Amino acid sequence: MARCDTKRIGLIVNPVAGLGGRVALKGSDGVAIQQKALLLGARPEAGRRTAAALKELEYLRDRIEFLTYPAEMGEDILRAAGFAFRVVGQIRGSRTEAIDTREAAARMTQMGVDLILFAGGDGTARDIHDALGLGQPVIGIPAGVKIHSAVYGTHPRSAGELARLFLERNDTRLQEREVMDVDEVALRSGRMSARLYGFLSVPVVHHLVQAQKAPSPVSEQTVLQAIALEVVELMESDCLYLLCPGTTTRAVAARLGLAKTLLGVDVVSQQALLAQDATEEQLLALMSGRRAYIIVAPIGGQGFLFGRGNQQISPAVLGLVDKERIVVISTPDKIFALRGEPFLVDTGDPELDRALTGFVPVITGYRERIVYRIAC
């Protein structure tokens, strides 16, 4: 018999979320992209990241009942973690699709859950929105490639901690948070096309929930050119340079006279382009036996350096680069917009995340630097 203070959580896992990240596919929407990702050697990440979030709820084990969907949509993960659960629906076809997520969210809400915990990216957040709209409290576990929506924890464990605080306390406020609709087809052609899709009700503890991504204004072009000049002057002729996604790193490539994929990881050496839009596997092959630097800029408004949109820079890739050879570049406006909040890392490897924390020099212009904190 359930205790009178038992809380009910709906758990929904999009098992293909994040599948296209390390193989440079910019997302995982659609069966064709998912199959291509698997052929390229992609490995599912959503289940592992969900398990990390559930660890934060372990000591509430006797006070939580989960409602979930079959197999990889939640059942398998909860069984492995030892939580009490009920399977309340079924997957329609041979593989999970968006309709399964929508039906799961609607069914769980009808059954009176206190909270829906879901793992995915922007596409999953849109599906949850389509099923629920406002009213039902939800928390996203970040597991996708594109996570521009402001409904996700900063890390899987942050999502779990936020869920725990919401269930334990009566003073955690709900806030209407943005769900963003990002066009994956445009992303793969190097264009960012995003719009506000709607809102979801999310319990908010400031440092545990990520902000919405902010674009770079056109007025920053002069600053970008100054940053690029500084970076290029510091480049060593015998080293590889991995240019992460973004307009700031694109300015570095432009200074070298090279075309940069806006949303991919490109590799340059001796002012020549060695690889465009490289996968994790390609990066590891190029870096074998060679000294490499990573040039990365924080995501505007969120502050993420690794783990959002650049999953090709995996723990394996980062393991080949000393921390001192991670070059962080940013316009001052992006840093001011963080209002003192630190840069963030969410590589999927907690030990590596901790190793990356601390203070780092940031190139903000020509011969200009500040020191800023990285947290996880």
Protein backbone atom coordinates (compact mmCIF):
# COMPACT_ATOMS: atom_id res chain seq x y z
CA MET A 1 0.00 0.00 0.00
CA ALA A 2 1.35 3.42 -0.94
CA ARG A 3 2.13 5.90 1.83
CA CYS A 4 -0.18 8.86 2.17
CA ASP A 5 2.70 11.22 1.37
CA THR A 6 3.76 9.31 -1.76
CA LYS A 7 4.51 11.55 -4.75
CA ARG A 8 3.82 10.47 -8.31
CA ILE A 9 6.26 11.29 -11.10
CA GLY A 10 5.69 10.64 -14.77
CA LEU A 11 8.93 9.62 -16.48
CA ILE A 12 9.21 9.90 -20.28
CA VAL A 13 12.47 9.15 -22.08
CA ASN A 14 13.04 9.87 -25.75
CA PRO A 15 15.54 7.05 -26.40
CA VAL A 16 16.89 8.57 -29.62
CA ALA A 17 17.50 12.04 -28.16
CA GLY A 18 21.07 13.18 -28.72
CA LEU A 19 21.77 10.39 -31.18
CA GLY A 20 23.07 12.73 -33.89
CA GLY A 21 25.34 14.85 -31.70
CA ARG A 22 28.73 13.14 -31.81
CA VAL A 23 28.33 12.20 -35.47
CA ALA A 24 27.74 15.86 -36.43
CA LEU A 25 24.12 15.53 -37.61
CA LYS A 26 22.88 18.57 -35.60
CA GLY A 27 19.90 16.67 -34.18
CA SER A 28 17.93 13.43 -34.10
CA ASP A 29 14.52 14.33 -35.56
CA GLY A 30 13.18 11.81 -38.06
CA VAL A 31 13.74 8.12 -38.69
CA ALA A 32 16.13 8.71 -41.60
CA ILE A 33 18.47 10.83 -39.46
CA GLN A 34 18.30 8.33 -36.61
CA GLN A 35 19.22 5.47 -38.91
CA LYS A 36 22.05 7.49 -40.43
CA ALA A 37 23.37 8.30 -36.96
CA LEU A 38 23.41 4.62 -35.99
CA LEU A 39 25.22 3.71 -39.21
CA LEU A 40 27.84 6.33 -38.35
CA GLY A 41 28.39 4.66 -34.99
CA ALA A 42 26.24 6.85 -32.74
CA ARG A 43 25.41 5.55 -29.28
CA PRO A 44 22.19 6.32 -27.39
CA GLU A 45 22.76 8.74 -24.51
CA ALA A 46 19.28 9.48 -23.14
CA GLY A 47 19.05 6.43 -20.89
CA ARG A 48 22.40 7.06 -19.23
CA ARG A 49 21.59 10.72 -18.66
CA THR A 50 18.19 9.83 -17.21
CA ALA A 51 19.85 7.40 -14.81
CA ALA A 52 22.14 10.23 -13.64
CA ALA A 53 19.10 12.39 -12.87
CA LEU A 54 17.39 9.57 -10.96
CA LYS A 55 20.39 9.22 -8.64
CA GLU A 56 19.38 12.56 -7.11
CA LEU A 57 16.04 11.01 -6.10
CA GLU A 58 17.39 7.83 -4.52
CA TYR A 59 16.85 8.77 -0.90
CA LEU A 60 13.19 9.55 -1.68
CA ARG A 61 12.80 6.07 -3.17
CA ASP A 62 10.18 4.99 -0.60
CA ARG A 63 8.11 8.13 -1.16
CA ILE A 64 7.96 8.11 -4.97
CA GLU A 65 5.86 6.12 -7.41
CA PHE A 66 6.75 6.49 -11.06
CA LEU A 67 4.37 6.18 -13.97
CA THR A 68 6.19 5.45 -17.19
CA TYR A 69 6.08 3.89 -20.66
CA PRO A 70 7.50 0.53 -21.74
CA ALA A 71 11.09 -0.55 -22.31
CA GLU A 72 13.54 2.21 -23.27
CA MET A 73 10.95 4.98 -22.75
CA GLY A 74 11.41 4.59 -18.99
CA GLU A 75 10.63 1.08 -17.77
CA ASP A 76 14.13 -0.35 -18.29
CA ILE A 77 15.85 2.59 -16.58
CA LEU A 78 13.56 2.58 -13.53
CA ARG A 79 13.90 -1.17 -13.09
CA ALA A 80 17.69 -0.90 -13.17
CA ALA A 81 17.58 1.97 -10.66
CA GLY A 82 15.30 0.05 -8.28
CA PHE A 83 12.36 2.49 -8.18
CA ALA A 84 8.72 1.47 -7.84
CA PHE A 85 6.87 2.12 -11.09
CA ARG A 86 3.82 1.34 -13.18
CA VAL A 87 3.78 1.07 -16.96
CA VAL A 88 0.68 2.98 -18.05
CA GLY A 89 0.67 2.74 -21.85
CA GLN A 90 2.28 1.13 -24.84
CA ILE A 91 4.51 2.16 -27.74
CA ARG A 92 2.50 2.20 -30.96
CA GLY A 93 5.03 0.80 -33.43
CA SER A 94 8.34 -1.00 -33.59
CA ARG A 95 10.22 2.19 -32.62
CA THR A 96 9.29 5.18 -30.50
CA GLU A 97 7.94 8.28 -32.23
CA ALA A 98 6.73 11.73 -31.25
CA ILE A 99 3.16 10.51 -30.83
CA ASP A 100 4.31 8.11 -28.09
CA THR A 101 5.77 11.01 -26.12
CA ARG A 102 2.60 13.07 -26.55
CA GLU A 103 0.31 10.20 -25.54
CA ALA A 104 2.49 9.34 -22.55
CA ALA A 105 2.45 12.93 -21.27
CA ALA A 106 -1.32 13.27 -21.70
CA ARG A 107 -2.04 9.92 -20.02
CA MET A 108 0.20 10.62 -17.04
CA THR A 109 -1.34 14.05 -16.51
CA GLN A 110 -4.83 12.54 -16.57
CA MET A 111 -3.69 10.08 -13.89
CA GLY A 112 -2.70 12.93 -11.60
CA VAL A 113 1.09 13.00 -11.45
CA ASP A 114 2.72 15.70 -9.36
CA LEU A 115 5.49 16.18 -11.91
CA ILE A 116 6.53 14.98 -15.36
CA LEU A 117 10.25 14.35 -15.76
CA PHE A 118 11.26 13.94 -19.41
CA ALA A 119 14.56 13.34 -21.19
CA GLY A 120 15.23 14.75 -24.64
CA GLY A 121 15.98 17.92 -26.55
CA ASP A 122 13.97 20.72 -28.16
CA GLY A 123 11.88 18.27 -30.23
CA THR A 124 10.85 16.38 -27.10
CA ALA A 125 9.99 19.63 -25.33
CA ARG A 126 7.73 20.54 -28.26
CA ASP A 127 5.98 17.18 -28.02
CA ILE A 128 5.44 17.65 -24.27
CA HIS A 129 4.08 21.12 -24.96
CA ASP A 130 1.69 19.81 -27.62
CA ALA A 131 0.29 17.31 -25.14
CA LEU A 132 0.08 19.53 -22.07
CA GLY A 133 0.44 23.26 -22.63
CA LEU A 134 0.62 25.11 -19.30
CA GLY A 135 -0.50 23.83 -15.92
CA GLN A 136 1.28 20.52 -15.42
CA PRO A 137 4.71 20.97 -13.76
CA VAL A 138 7.50 19.48 -15.88
CA ILE A 139 11.29 19.27 -15.76
CA GLY A 140 13.51 18.38 -18.71
CA ILE A 141 16.59 16.17 -18.42
CA PRO A 142 19.03 17.49 -21.07
CA ALA A 143 19.75 14.64 -23.50
CA GLY A 144 19.34 16.12 -26.97
CA VAL A 145 21.66 17.80 -29.45
CA LYS A 146 19.73 21.07 -29.65
CA ILE A 147 18.68 22.33 -26.22
CA HIS A 148 17.72 25.95 -26.73
CA SER A 149 14.50 25.61 -24.69
CA ALA A 150 14.62 26.97 -21.14
CA VAL A 151 12.80 23.99 -19.58
CA TYR A 152 15.87 21.81 -18.92
CA GLY A 153 18.17 21.39 -15.97
CA THR A 154 21.70 22.63 -16.53
CA HIS A 155 22.84 18.99 -16.18
CA PRO A 156 21.01 15.67 -15.75
CA ARG A 157 21.80 15.72 -12.03
CA SER A 158 20.51 19.32 -11.81
CA ALA A 159 17.20 18.13 -13.26
CA GLY A 160 17.09 15.38 -10.62
CA GLU A 161 17.97 17.81 -7.84
CA LEU A 162 15.29 20.22 -9.03
CA ALA A 163 12.73 17.40 -9.03
CA ARG A 164 13.74 16.46 -5.48
CA LEU A 165 13.40 20.04 -4.23
CA PHE A 166 10.02 20.42 -5.90
CA LEU A 167 8.71 17.23 -4.29
CA GLU A 168 10.14 17.99 -0.85
CA ARG A 169 9.27 21.65 -0.53
CA ASN A 170 6.10 23.68 -0.90
CA ASP A 171 7.83 26.95 -1.80
CA THR A 172 9.41 26.04 -5.16
CA ARG A 173 7.74 28.43 -7.57
CA LEU A 174 6.54 27.52 -11.04
CA GLN A 175 7.53 29.71 -13.96
CA GLU A 176 6.40 29.77 -17.57
CA ARG A 177 9.57 28.86 -19.50
CA GLU A 178 10.22 29.05 -23.23
CA VAL A 179 10.01 26.08 -25.58
CA MET A 180 11.97 26.85 -28.74
CA ASP A 181 11.34 25.42 -32.20
CA VAL A 182 14.62 25.00 -34.10
CA ASP A 183 14.62 23.95 -37.76
CA GLU A 184 17.02 20.98 -38.07
CA VAL A 185 17.06 21.15 -41.87
CA ALA A 186 18.23 24.77 -41.67
CA LEU A 187 20.79 23.79 -39.03
CA ARG A 188 22.33 21.18 -41.31
CA SER A 189 22.74 23.79 -44.04
CA GLY A 190 24.48 26.16 -41.62
CA ARG A 191 21.55 28.47 -40.81
CA MET A 192 20.05 29.06 -37.38
CA SER A 193 16.26 29.31 -37.64
CA ALA A 194 14.55 29.37 -34.27
CA ARG A 195 11.22 30.67 -33.03
CA LEU A 196 9.28 30.68 -29.80
CA TYR A 197 7.01 27.64 -29.88
CA GLY A 198 5.24 28.00 -26.54
CA PHE A 199 5.67 27.70 -22.79
CA LEU A 200 5.77 24.96 -20.17
CA SER A 201 5.38 25.27 -16.39
CA VAL A 202 8.74 24.51 -14.76
CA PRO A 203 9.79 24.63 -11.09
CA VAL A 204 12.59 27.16 -10.97
CA VAL A 205 15.65 27.22 -8.74
CA HIS A 206 17.86 29.68 -10.58
CA HIS A 207 21.18 27.84 -10.76
CA LEU A 208 19.57 24.49 -11.65
CA VAL A 209 17.64 25.54 -14.80
CA GLN A 210 19.29 26.68 -18.01
CA ALA A 211 18.43 29.95 -19.70
CA GLN A 212 17.17 30.37 -23.24
CA LYS A 213 19.93 30.73 -25.84
CA ALA A 214 20.53 34.34 -26.90
CA PRO A 215 21.74 35.29 -30.41
CA SER A 216 24.80 37.42 -31.11
CA PRO A 217 23.92 40.96 -32.29
CA VAL A 218 25.32 42.27 -35.55
CA SER A 219 26.96 45.17 -33.67
CA GLU A 220 29.51 42.70 -32.26
CA GLN A 221 31.28 42.27 -35.61
CA THR A 222 34.15 44.65 -34.78
CA VAL A 223 34.76 42.87 -31.46
CA LEU A 224 34.68 39.49 -33.20
CA GLN A 225 37.33 40.63 -35.67
CA ALA A 226 39.54 41.79 -32.78
CA ILE A 227 39.17 38.44 -31.01
CA ALA A 228 39.94 36.60 -34.24
CA LEU A 229 43.09 38.64 -34.82
CA GLU A 230 44.35 37.79 -31.32
CA VAL A 231 43.65 34.06 -31.72
CA VAL A 232 45.29 33.81 -35.15
CA GLU A 233 48.43 35.61 -33.95
CA LEU A 234 48.76 33.04 -31.14
CA MET A 235 48.39 29.98 -33.36
CA GLU A 236 51.34 27.59 -33.54
CA SER A 237 52.27 26.23 -36.96
CA ASP A 238 52.60 22.58 -35.95
CA CYS A 239 49.34 22.24 -34.01
CA LEU A 240 45.74 21.31 -34.78
CA TYR A 241 42.97 23.73 -33.88
CA LEU A 242 39.43 22.48 -33.34
CA LEU A 243 37.02 25.33 -34.01
CA CYS A 244 33.76 24.73 -32.16
CA PRO A 245 30.36 25.94 -33.47
CA GLY A 246 29.30 29.57 -33.38
CA THR A 247 29.73 33.04 -34.83
CA THR A 248 32.72 33.81 -32.60
CA THR A 249 34.78 30.89 -33.87
CA ARG A 250 33.56 31.55 -37.40
CA ALA A 251 35.29 34.93 -37.16
CA VAL A 252 38.56 33.10 -36.44
CA ALA A 253 38.15 30.98 -39.57
CA ALA A 254 37.33 34.09 -41.60
CA ARG A 255 40.54 35.72 -40.37
CA LEU A 256 42.39 32.67 -41.74
CA GLY A 257 40.57 33.07 -45.06
CA LEU A 258 38.63 29.85 -44.49
CA ALA A 259 34.93 29.02 -44.66
CA LYS A 260 33.54 27.73 -41.36
CA THR A 261 30.49 25.56 -40.78
CA LEU A 262 28.48 27.70 -38.38
CA LEU A 263 27.11 24.76 -36.41
CA GLY A 264 29.85 22.17 -36.83
CA VAL A 265 33.35 21.49 -35.52
CA ASP A 266 36.06 22.28 -38.09
CA VAL A 267 39.77 21.46 -37.86
CA VAL A 268 42.53 23.73 -39.12
CA SER A 269 46.33 23.59 -39.11
CA GLN A 270 48.90 25.89 -40.68
CA GLN A 271 46.04 28.08 -41.90
CA ALA A 272 44.60 25.19 -43.92
CA LEU A 273 41.27 23.46 -43.44
CA LEU A 274 41.75 19.77 -42.62
CA ALA A 275 38.14 18.83 -41.86
CA GLN A 276 34.73 20.46 -41.93
CA ASP A 277 31.79 19.46 -39.74
CA ALA A 278 33.84 16.64 -38.24
CA THR A 279 32.38 13.78 -36.21
CA GLU A 280 33.83 12.58 -32.93
CA GLU A 281 35.49 9.68 -34.76
CA GLN A 282 37.09 11.98 -37.32
CA LEU A 283 38.38 14.30 -34.60
CA LEU A 284 39.97 11.43 -32.70
CA ALA A 285 41.67 10.18 -35.86
CA LEU A 286 43.07 13.62 -36.73
CA MET A 287 44.28 14.23 -33.18
CA SER A 288 46.13 10.93 -32.84
CA GLY A 289 49.76 11.71 -32.04
CA ARG A 290 49.33 15.45 -32.62
CA ARG A 291 49.21 18.45 -30.30
CA ALA A 292 45.77 20.07 -30.45
CA TYR A 293 43.93 23.10 -29.15
CA ILE A 294 40.17 23.55 -28.80
CA ILE A 295 38.77 27.01 -29.49
CA VAL A 296 35.34 27.39 -27.94
CA ALA A 297 32.91 30.20 -27.17
CA PRO A 298 30.08 30.12 -24.61
CA ILE A 299 26.50 29.84 -25.83
CA GLY A 300 24.90 33.25 -25.48
CA GLY A 301 22.47 33.53 -22.60
CA GLN A 302 23.26 30.02 -21.29
CA GLY A 303 27.02 30.04 -20.82
CA PHE A 304 27.61 26.43 -21.87
CA LEU A 305 31.08 25.67 -23.22
CA PHE A 306 30.64 21.92 -23.77
CA GLY A 307 27.59 19.69 -23.93
CA ARG A 308 25.19 21.84 -25.92
CA GLY A 309 25.39 21.65 -29.72
CA ASN A 310 29.02 20.49 -29.76
CA GLN A 311 28.79 16.88 -28.54
CA GLN A 312 31.43 15.96 -31.12
CA ILE A 313 33.83 17.41 -28.54
CA SER A 314 33.27 14.32 -26.44
CA PRO A 315 35.02 13.21 -23.24
CA ALA A 316 37.33 11.12 -25.44
CA VAL A 317 38.28 14.18 -27.49
CA LEU A 318 38.71 16.38 -24.43
CA GLY A 319 40.88 13.67 -22.89
CA LEU A 320 43.48 14.33 -25.60
CA VAL A 321 43.73 18.05 -24.81
CA ASP A 322 45.27 19.57 -21.69
CA LYS A 323 43.01 22.07 -19.94
CA GLU A 324 45.54 24.81 -20.74
CA ARG A 325 44.97 24.19 -24.45
CA ILE A 326 41.25 24.89 -24.28
CA VAL A 327 41.04 28.45 -25.58
CA VAL A 328 37.86 30.24 -24.49
CA ILE A 329 36.83 33.29 -26.53
CA SER A 330 33.85 35.56 -25.99
CA THR A 331 32.60 39.03 -26.67
CA PRO A 332 32.21 41.10 -23.48
CA ASP A 333 28.47 41.43 -24.09
CA LYS A 334 27.98 37.67 -23.84
CA ILE A 335 29.77 37.61 -20.52
CA PHE A 336 27.89 40.63 -19.15
CA ALA A 337 24.62 38.93 -20.14
CA LEU A 338 25.44 36.04 -17.79
CA ARG A 339 25.19 38.47 -14.85
CA GLY A 340 27.94 36.78 -12.93
CA GLU A 341 26.71 33.24 -13.48
CA PRO A 342 29.58 30.90 -14.44
CA PHE A 343 30.30 29.17 -17.70
CA LEU A 344 28.91 25.63 -17.65
CA VAL A 345 30.09 22.22 -18.85
CA ASP A 346 27.97 19.08 -19.28
CA THR A 347 30.14 16.61 -21.18
CA GLY A 348 28.34 13.50 -19.93
CA ASP A 349 31.36 12.53 -17.80
CA PRO A 350 30.96 13.95 -14.25
CA GLU A 351 34.62 13.43 -13.37
CA LEU A 352 35.72 15.32 -16.48
CA ASP A 353 33.20 18.09 -15.76
CA ARG A 354 34.74 18.56 -12.32
CA ALA A 355 38.25 18.61 -13.81
CA LEU A 356 37.22 21.41 -16.19
CA THR A 357 35.90 23.65 -13.41
CA GLY A 358 37.81 26.59 -12.00
CA PHE A 359 38.98 29.87 -13.44
CA VAL A 360 39.97 30.26 -17.08
CA PRO A 361 41.36 33.17 -19.13
CA VAL A 362 38.95 34.39 -21.77
CA ILE A 363 40.03 36.28 -24.89
CA THR A 364 37.62 39.22 -25.24
CA GLY A 365 39.46 41.35 -27.80
CA TYR A 366 42.88 42.12 -29.26
CA ARG A 367 45.37 41.88 -26.36
CA GLU A 368 42.38 41.80 -24.01
CA ARG A 369 41.52 39.07 -21.50
CA ILE A 370 39.45 38.53 -18.42
CA VAL A 371 39.38 35.60 -16.00
CA TYR A 372 36.04 33.82 -15.62
CA ARG A 373 34.77 30.83 -13.67
CA ILE A 374 33.65 27.48 -15.09
CA ALA A 375 31.21 25.36 -13.06
CA CYS A 376 29.34 22.12 -13.56
